[in-house]
Every structure is written in C-alpha cells, then in structure tokens.
Amino acid sequence: MRFPSGMRLALADAGDTVEDANFVEAMADAGILRLYTWVEWVKEMIANRDSLRSGPANTFNDRVFASEMNAGIKKTDQNYERMLFKEALKTGFFEFQAAKDKYRELAIEGMHRELVFRFIEVQTLLLAPICPHLCEHIWSLLGKPDSIMKASWPEAGPVDEILIGSSQYLMEAAHDLRLRLKGYMAPVKGKKGAKEPCQKPSHCTIYVAKSYPPWQHTTLSVLRQHYQENLEKNGSRVLDLELEFDERAVLMENIVYLTNSLELDHIEVKFASEAEDKIKEECCPGKPFSVFRTEPSVSVFLVNPQPSNGHFSTKIEIRQGDNRETVIRRLMKMDRGIKGKYWS
C-alpha cells in the first residue's frame, strides 16, 4: 500500500495552476527513495529512543529546530487552505526534512528525544493529505491506537524569526569559512613558478564586527533617511546598521561544530575592534573575517604495543598548551576507529 506514495508525491509536485501539469517520472522515483529513507529513519529513532538526549531542550539548536517546526506548520497550513499542494509539499516535507537534517548535523551534544518524536508526529500529519497510506503506516509504528484520519492537525507554537535568522547566519558563516580555508590551502607559486603546497592550518581566529566601518555607516545612514518610506513598504533590512542577534554568541554556541567541520584544533572569536586596520575595513555585521594560522608543533610517532590490534602506529602533532584531552580528541579526529572509552 505504500508504493503509490511516490506517485502521489510527484502529482502534488506537478503544479497547482490551470496550466498543464509538469509531471516528472524522475520525481516519482526520487519520491519513493525519499519516503523509504524517511520510514527507515523513523524506525531507527524508535529503536534508539532511550539513547536520545533527554532533559531540558534549551540548547541553541534545540530552540532553532522547535521554531523551524512551528514555522513549517504555519506555512503548510496556509498552503493547504489555499489549495496549493505543490507549495504545501515544499514547506511541509522538503523544507521540513531539511530542518531535521540540519538539526542532526549541528546537534553535537545529540538530538533531543522530545523534539525528535514531535518532529516525526508533525511530519506525518503534514504529509498525510498527500501520502495517506505511508503516513498511516508510520502512525502505527508510533503505537497510536487510532487511525491518523482521526488525529488533530498539529498546533504551531511561537516562531522566533530572529533565532531562525541567526541559524541561517551560522550556516552561511560555516560555508564562507570552508571556502576561505580552501583558498588558504590552495598551492602558491614559488619564485621559479612551481606551486608549493600550503601547510594545513591548526588554528583560526574569527573576527566579528559590532558595527560597520565609519564610511559605510555614514553611507547607510544617509540611504536610510532618503529611502525610509520605501523600506517600510517592502520590509527590507538591507540597510540595517546592526544585526538583530548577537553574532559572537551564535558562533561561540556552535564553536564545537565549526571546529570539527573545518578539522581544526582551535577556533577563537574576537571583535574586529581588536584587529588591525585592514581587518576592521573588511569586517562588517553578518560578514565575519577569518584568519587561519599554523601553530608551531613537534611531531611525535606513536606505536600501539597491544597485540592483535588494528591500530598499529600514527604520527601526531603536539603543540604548546596541549593536555591529555586535546591530544585524545586530535587522535580521534585522525582515526575514527579510536574511541574515547580506550582512554578512560
């Protein structure tokens, strides 16, 4: 009974206007794969329910995920009310799944149990008008006594747009850091024209600005005075002089994710006012400036004395200020097979 769901997904995506429907067979095939992956993930979460994090759901990414779910419920409800099934599929499935994937990636401390199962229930209800057979199956997996047809539509809680915007800023900042790191690692031409490989950096300093450089601040202030009426009509924030959220606090709350994502040993976040003049000119609100560097180190060759063990030997860099914990974390990054329990 679940196989028609891919067809229904493709039909909903074909369009809502009076124009000819744009039915794509590849969309039906991809829909089957997406829905299968979704069902398998639900089964995995049910099987591992007890291993999910419990307690207060108050981390930065917990709060972002909760707000994004509430925003998705409101948008999808509006789209269904207007009979816009293509848009409802976009906001109630594709964007909803993207929010879950982002939460899973960013939640270094682990996903929260209550949020995960609220997401599963809400996602099932939002998709039920389009894929009723599959959603009925998931509803039964959750142990619900009645049919999903008797379930109430999910209620949306408060939506913190500023919090969602700060999360979007984090993703853009992480993407920009990866590009800058790639540029930093690009081989440079030597004196004889040969390209010399660049040493991989170990540390990074991210500079954030509380305000724009003086000349930009003056320019934006003048533009705001002349175009205030138009800005109020269109609701644009392009001429705002500062961000609605604390840029440094967002980066610091996700410093572990950024450090692991860039495969660095340490990242520090400073205000641009502490940097040199060139960085002050380059850095502005919402556009952090990063400086990569390689700290001096000593190479140590480690040999595993345990017999019949797959971890034979490895070379690791030891730097000033390292302790037992930092060395263990560095080893675990280098070799995924090394677990923390071996060092307790």
Protein backbone atom coordinates (compact mmCIF):
# COMPACT_ATOMS: atom_id res chain seq x y z
CA MET A 1 0.00 0.00 0.00
CA ARG A 2 3.00 2.33 0.35
CA PHE A 3 4.14 2.21 -3.28
CA PRO A 4 1.52 4.73 -4.59
CA SER A 5 3.04 7.34 -2.26
CA GLY A 6 5.84 8.14 -4.71
CA MET A 7 3.26 8.75 -7.44
CA ARG A 8 1.19 10.97 -5.14
CA LEU A 9 4.31 12.94 -4.23
CA ALA A 10 5.08 13.54 -7.92
CA LEU A 11 1.46 14.54 -8.66
CA ALA A 12 1.48 17.08 -5.83
CA ASP A 13 4.77 18.46 -7.15
CA ALA A 14 3.38 18.72 -10.70
CA GLY A 15 1.76 22.11 -10.02
CA ASP A 16 -1.47 23.76 -8.89
CA THR A 17 -2.32 26.26 -11.62
CA VAL A 18 -4.61 25.86 -14.65
CA GLU A 19 -1.56 25.30 -16.84
CA ASP A 20 -0.57 21.80 -17.94
CA ALA A 21 0.82 19.74 -15.09
CA ASN A 22 4.56 19.21 -15.14
CA PHE A 23 4.61 15.55 -14.12
CA VAL A 24 8.16 14.17 -13.93
CA GLU A 25 8.75 10.42 -13.69
CA ALA A 26 12.14 11.00 -12.11
CA MET A 27 10.36 12.86 -9.31
CA ALA A 28 8.22 9.78 -8.63
CA ASP A 29 11.32 7.57 -8.49
CA ALA A 30 13.13 10.04 -6.23
CA GLY A 31 9.99 10.33 -4.10
CA ILE A 32 9.95 6.59 -3.43
CA LEU A 33 13.58 6.76 -2.30
CA ARG A 34 12.94 9.81 -0.10
CA LEU A 35 9.93 8.24 1.55
CA TYR A 36 11.72 4.92 2.08
CA THR A 37 14.63 6.77 3.72
CA TRP A 38 12.15 8.65 5.89
CA VAL A 39 10.44 5.44 7.09
CA GLU A 40 13.78 3.77 7.85
CA TRP A 41 14.91 6.81 9.86
CA VAL A 42 11.68 6.69 11.88
CA LYS A 43 12.29 3.00 12.64
CA GLU A 44 15.85 3.81 13.70
CA MET A 45 14.68 6.56 16.07
CA ILE A 46 12.05 4.28 17.61
CA ALA A 47 14.64 1.55 18.15
CA ASN A 48 17.12 4.01 19.70
CA ARG A 49 14.62 6.09 21.67
CA ASP A 50 16.39 5.55 25.01
CA SER A 51 19.77 6.66 23.63
CA LEU A 52 18.46 10.08 22.58
CA ARG A 53 19.18 13.05 24.82
CA SER A 54 16.63 13.93 27.49
CA GLY A 55 16.25 16.80 29.96
CA PRO A 56 15.62 20.45 29.07
CA ALA A 57 15.52 21.18 25.32
CA ASN A 58 17.20 24.56 25.66
CA THR A 59 20.36 24.49 23.57
CA PHE A 60 20.72 26.91 20.66
CA ASN A 61 19.97 24.22 18.07
CA ASP A 62 17.07 22.80 20.11
CA ARG A 63 15.38 26.21 20.12
CA VAL A 64 16.08 26.77 16.42
CA PHE A 65 14.64 23.36 15.49
CA ALA A 66 11.49 23.96 17.56
CA SER A 67 10.96 27.37 15.90
CA GLU A 68 11.53 25.96 12.42
CA MET A 69 8.96 23.21 13.08
CA ASN A 70 6.40 25.79 14.22
CA ALA A 71 7.11 27.95 11.17
CA GLY A 72 6.71 24.90 8.90
CA ILE A 73 3.34 24.05 10.45
CA LYS A 74 2.03 27.59 9.87
CA LYS A 75 3.27 27.82 6.28
CA THR A 76 1.98 24.38 5.34
CA ASP A 77 -1.42 25.05 6.91
CA GLN A 78 -1.72 28.26 4.87
CA ASN A 79 -0.76 26.44 1.67
CA TYR A 80 -3.33 23.68 2.22
CA GLU A 81 -6.00 26.31 2.95
CA ARG A 82 -5.25 27.93 -0.41
CA MET A 83 -5.19 24.52 -2.17
CA LEU A 84 -1.54 25.00 -3.14
CA PHE A 85 -0.38 21.40 -2.88
CA LYS A 86 2.97 21.97 -4.57
CA GLU A 87 3.82 24.68 -2.03
CA ALA A 88 2.43 22.54 0.81
CA LEU A 89 4.75 19.73 -0.26
CA LYS A 90 7.66 22.16 -0.32
CA THR A 91 7.06 23.63 3.15
CA GLY A 92 5.58 20.51 4.76
CA PHE A 93 8.05 17.92 3.52
CA PHE A 94 11.15 19.13 1.67
CA GLU A 95 11.88 22.14 3.91
CA PHE A 96 10.70 20.23 6.99
CA GLN A 97 13.12 17.39 6.24
CA ALA A 98 15.90 19.90 5.59
CA ALA A 99 15.32 21.40 9.05
CA LYS A 100 15.67 17.93 10.59
CA ASP A 101 18.85 17.19 8.65
CA LYS A 102 20.38 20.49 9.77
CA TYR A 103 19.46 19.79 13.39
CA ARG A 104 21.01 16.33 13.20
CA GLU A 105 24.23 17.82 11.81
CA LEU A 106 24.52 20.72 14.26
CA ALA A 107 23.40 19.00 17.47
CA ILE A 108 26.88 17.92 18.57
CA GLU A 109 25.53 17.07 22.03
CA GLY A 110 22.91 14.76 20.45
CA MET A 111 19.31 15.21 19.30
CA HIS A 112 16.65 15.72 21.96
CA ARG A 113 14.15 12.88 22.35
CA GLU A 114 11.02 15.03 22.71
CA LEU A 115 11.91 17.18 19.70
CA VAL A 116 12.69 14.16 17.53
CA PHE A 117 9.35 12.46 18.23
CA ARG A 118 7.41 15.71 17.95
CA PHE A 119 9.04 16.13 14.55
CA ILE A 120 8.04 12.61 13.49
CA GLU A 121 4.41 13.13 14.54
CA VAL A 122 4.14 16.58 12.95
CA GLN A 123 5.85 15.47 9.73
CA THR A 124 3.49 12.50 9.45
CA LEU A 125 0.43 14.72 9.91
CA LEU A 126 1.63 17.37 7.44
CA LEU A 127 2.28 14.76 4.76
CA ALA A 128 -0.91 12.73 5.38
CA PRO A 129 -3.12 14.66 2.88
CA ILE A 130 -0.68 13.78 0.08
CA CYS A 131 0.63 10.34 1.14
CA PRO A 132 -2.09 8.89 3.41
CA HIS A 133 -1.10 5.21 3.10
CA LEU A 134 2.52 5.73 4.11
CA CYS A 135 1.59 8.14 6.90
CA GLU A 136 -0.92 5.63 8.26
CA HIS A 137 1.91 3.09 8.37
CA ILE A 138 4.22 5.48 10.27
CA TRP A 139 1.36 6.38 12.63
CA SER A 140 1.03 2.70 13.52
CA LEU A 141 4.81 2.42 14.04
CA LEU A 142 4.48 5.17 16.65
CA GLY A 143 2.00 2.98 18.51
CA LYS A 144 -1.00 5.25 18.01
CA PRO A 145 -4.26 3.40 18.83
CA ASP A 146 -6.46 5.17 16.27
CA SER A 147 -6.11 5.90 12.57
CA ILE A 148 -4.26 9.04 11.51
CA MET A 149 -7.52 10.11 9.85
CA LYS A 150 -8.89 10.75 13.36
CA ALA A 151 -5.85 12.75 14.50
CA SER A 152 -6.00 16.52 15.01
CA TRP A 153 -4.00 18.90 12.86
CA PRO A 154 -0.77 19.93 14.66
CA GLU A 155 -0.81 23.23 16.51
CA ALA A 156 2.05 25.64 15.89
CA GLY A 157 3.81 27.22 18.83
CA PRO A 158 5.67 30.55 18.82
CA VAL A 159 8.10 31.25 15.97
CA ASP A 160 11.29 33.15 16.75
CA GLU A 161 12.27 34.67 13.40
CA ILE A 162 15.41 36.27 14.86
CA LEU A 163 16.57 32.88 16.15
CA ILE A 164 15.92 31.26 12.76
CA GLY A 165 17.82 34.10 11.09
CA SER A 166 20.78 33.59 13.42
CA SER A 167 20.85 29.89 12.48
CA GLN A 168 20.86 30.81 8.79
CA TYR A 169 23.74 33.18 9.53
CA LEU A 170 25.63 30.30 11.18
CA MET A 171 25.26 28.09 8.09
CA GLU A 172 26.39 30.90 5.78
CA ALA A 173 29.35 31.68 8.05
CA ALA A 174 30.38 28.00 8.12
CA HIS A 175 30.16 27.85 4.31
CA ASP A 176 32.25 31.01 3.99
CA LEU A 177 34.85 29.60 6.39
CA ARG A 178 35.16 26.43 4.31
CA LEU A 179 35.71 28.49 1.16
CA ARG A 180 38.32 30.64 2.89
CA LEU A 181 40.08 27.54 4.22
CA LYS A 182 40.09 26.04 0.72
CA GLY A 183 41.59 29.26 -0.63
CA TYR A 184 44.18 29.30 2.15
CA MET A 185 45.18 25.71 1.33
CA ALA A 186 45.49 26.36 -2.42
CA PRO A 187 49.10 25.90 -3.64
CA VAL A 188 51.02 29.14 -4.12
CA LYS A 189 53.55 29.79 -6.87
CA GLY A 190 57.18 29.81 -5.80
CA LYS A 191 59.93 32.02 -7.12
CA LYS A 192 60.58 29.67 -10.04
CA GLY A 193 56.91 29.30 -10.91
CA ALA A 194 56.46 25.92 -9.22
CA LYS A 195 53.43 25.56 -6.98
CA GLU A 196 54.28 24.94 -3.35
CA PRO A 197 51.76 23.11 -1.14
CA CYS A 198 50.50 25.10 1.82
CA GLN A 199 50.68 23.60 5.31
CA LYS A 200 47.29 22.76 6.80
CA PRO A 201 46.34 25.33 9.47
CA SER A 202 45.67 24.26 13.03
CA HIS A 203 44.04 27.40 14.41
CA CYS A 204 41.67 30.10 13.24
CA THR A 205 40.60 33.48 14.57
CA ILE A 206 37.17 34.74 13.51
CA TYR A 207 36.60 38.48 13.78
CA VAL A 208 33.05 39.85 14.05
CA ALA A 209 32.05 43.50 13.88
CA LYS A 210 29.53 45.24 16.11
CA SER A 211 29.09 47.97 13.52
CA TYR A 212 30.15 48.95 10.00
CA PRO A 213 33.35 50.90 9.29
CA PRO A 214 32.72 54.67 9.66
CA TRP A 215 32.42 55.41 5.93
CA GLN A 216 29.95 52.55 5.39
CA HIS A 217 27.97 53.55 8.49
CA THR A 218 27.61 57.11 7.17
CA THR A 219 26.57 55.89 3.71
CA LEU A 220 23.92 53.54 5.10
CA SER A 221 22.57 56.23 7.43
CA VAL A 222 22.09 58.65 4.51
CA LEU A 223 20.42 55.96 2.40
CA ARG A 224 18.05 55.06 5.23
CA GLN A 225 16.98 58.69 5.58
CA HIS A 226 16.19 59.01 1.86
CA TYR A 227 14.55 55.62 1.36
CA GLN A 228 12.82 55.10 4.71
CA GLU A 229 9.34 55.19 3.18
CA ASN A 230 10.23 52.56 0.58
CA LEU A 231 11.94 50.39 3.18
CA GLU A 232 8.87 50.40 5.43
CA LYS A 233 6.70 49.38 2.47
CA ASN A 234 8.93 46.48 1.38
CA GLY A 235 10.14 45.40 4.80
CA SER A 236 13.77 45.19 3.66
CA ARG A 237 16.57 45.01 6.21
CA VAL A 238 19.43 45.53 3.79
CA LEU A 239 20.22 48.96 5.21
CA ASP A 240 20.18 47.99 8.89
CA LEU A 241 23.22 49.25 10.76
CA GLU A 242 23.46 46.20 13.05
CA LEU A 243 22.16 42.64 13.36
CA GLU A 244 19.13 41.64 15.41
CA PHE A 245 21.12 38.92 17.20
CA ASP A 246 24.49 38.61 18.93
CA GLU A 247 26.79 37.40 16.17
CA ARG A 248 29.62 36.40 18.51
CA ALA A 249 27.28 34.48 20.84
CA VAL A 250 25.89 32.42 17.93
CA LEU A 251 29.39 31.43 16.81
CA MET A 252 30.51 30.63 20.36
CA GLU A 253 27.47 28.39 20.99
CA ASN A 254 28.39 26.40 17.88
CA ILE A 255 32.18 26.54 18.20
CA VAL A 256 32.49 22.74 18.53
CA TYR A 257 30.57 22.21 15.27
CA LEU A 258 32.71 24.79 13.44
CA THR A 259 35.96 23.34 14.81
CA ASN A 260 35.02 19.79 13.81
CA SER A 261 33.63 20.87 10.44
CA LEU A 262 36.86 22.66 9.50
CA GLU A 263 39.04 19.95 11.10
CA LEU A 264 40.97 22.48 13.17
CA ASP A 265 42.36 22.24 16.69
CA HIS A 266 41.03 25.54 17.96
CA ILE A 267 38.88 28.49 16.88
CA GLU A 268 38.61 31.75 18.76
CA VAL A 269 36.10 34.53 18.11
CA LYS A 270 37.12 38.15 18.62
CA PHE A 271 35.65 41.55 17.88
CA ALA A 272 37.05 43.38 14.87
CA SER A 273 37.92 46.31 17.13
CA GLU A 274 40.78 44.17 18.47
CA ALA A 275 42.21 43.54 14.99
CA GLU A 276 44.44 45.53 12.66
CA ASP A 277 43.05 48.26 10.41
CA LYS A 278 42.80 46.06 7.29
CA ILE A 279 40.54 43.58 9.09
CA LYS A 280 38.44 46.40 10.53
CA GLU A 281 37.75 47.63 6.99
CA GLU A 282 36.92 44.16 5.66
CA CYS A 283 34.74 43.03 8.57
CA CYS A 284 31.10 44.14 8.93
CA PRO A 285 27.95 42.85 10.68
CA GLY A 286 26.90 39.48 9.26
CA LYS A 287 30.18 39.07 7.36
CA PRO A 288 32.85 37.69 9.73
CA PHE A 289 36.51 37.79 8.72
CA SER A 290 38.66 34.72 9.38
CA VAL A 291 42.42 34.39 9.75
CA PHE A 292 43.96 30.91 9.60
CA ARG A 293 47.36 30.03 11.02
CA THR A 294 49.52 27.03 11.87
CA GLU A 295 50.85 26.92 15.41
CA PRO A 296 54.38 25.52 15.97
CA SER A 297 54.39 21.84 16.83
CA VAL A 298 56.56 18.80 17.46
CA SER A 299 55.85 15.56 15.58
CA VAL A 300 55.50 12.52 17.83
CA PHE A 301 55.35 8.97 16.45
CA LEU A 302 53.01 6.75 18.49
CA VAL A 303 53.24 2.94 18.43
CA ASN A 304 50.48 0.71 19.81
CA PRO A 305 52.02 -2.10 21.95
CA GLN A 306 48.78 -4.13 22.09
CA PRO A 307 48.94 -7.35 20.05
CA SER A 308 46.22 -8.29 17.53
CA ASN A 309 45.04 -4.70 17.24
CA GLY A 310 44.31 -2.86 14.00
CA HIS A 311 45.77 0.43 15.25
CA PHE A 312 49.47 -0.06 14.57
CA SER A 313 51.08 3.37 14.66
CA THR A 314 50.41 7.01 13.85
CA LYS A 315 52.10 10.40 13.83
CA ILE A 316 50.58 13.30 15.72
CA GLU A 317 51.49 16.95 16.19
CA ILE A 318 51.93 18.16 19.79
CA ARG A 319 51.53 21.91 20.34
CA GLN A 320 52.11 24.37 23.16
CA GLY A 321 49.31 24.17 25.74
CA ASP A 322 48.15 20.67 24.75
CA ASN A 323 46.90 18.39 27.50
CA ARG A 324 45.67 14.81 27.69
CA GLU A 325 42.14 15.67 26.50
CA THR A 326 43.23 17.73 23.48
CA VAL A 327 45.67 15.03 22.33
CA ILE A 328 42.97 12.35 22.65
CA ARG A 329 40.49 14.46 20.64
CA ARG A 330 43.13 15.01 17.94
CA LEU A 331 43.81 11.27 17.74
CA MET A 332 40.08 10.50 17.49
CA LYS A 333 39.77 13.00 14.61
CA MET A 334 42.67 11.37 12.78
CA ASP A 335 41.38 7.82 13.27
CA ARG A 336 37.62 7.29 13.61
CA GLY A 337 38.28 3.78 14.93
CA ILE A 338 39.79 5.15 18.14
CA LYS A 339 37.08 5.55 20.77
CA GLY A 340 37.14 7.62 23.93
CA LYS A 341 36.49 4.55 26.09
CA TYR A 342 40.01 3.28 25.38
CA TRP A 343 41.46 6.23 27.29
CA SER A 344 39.35 6.11 30.45
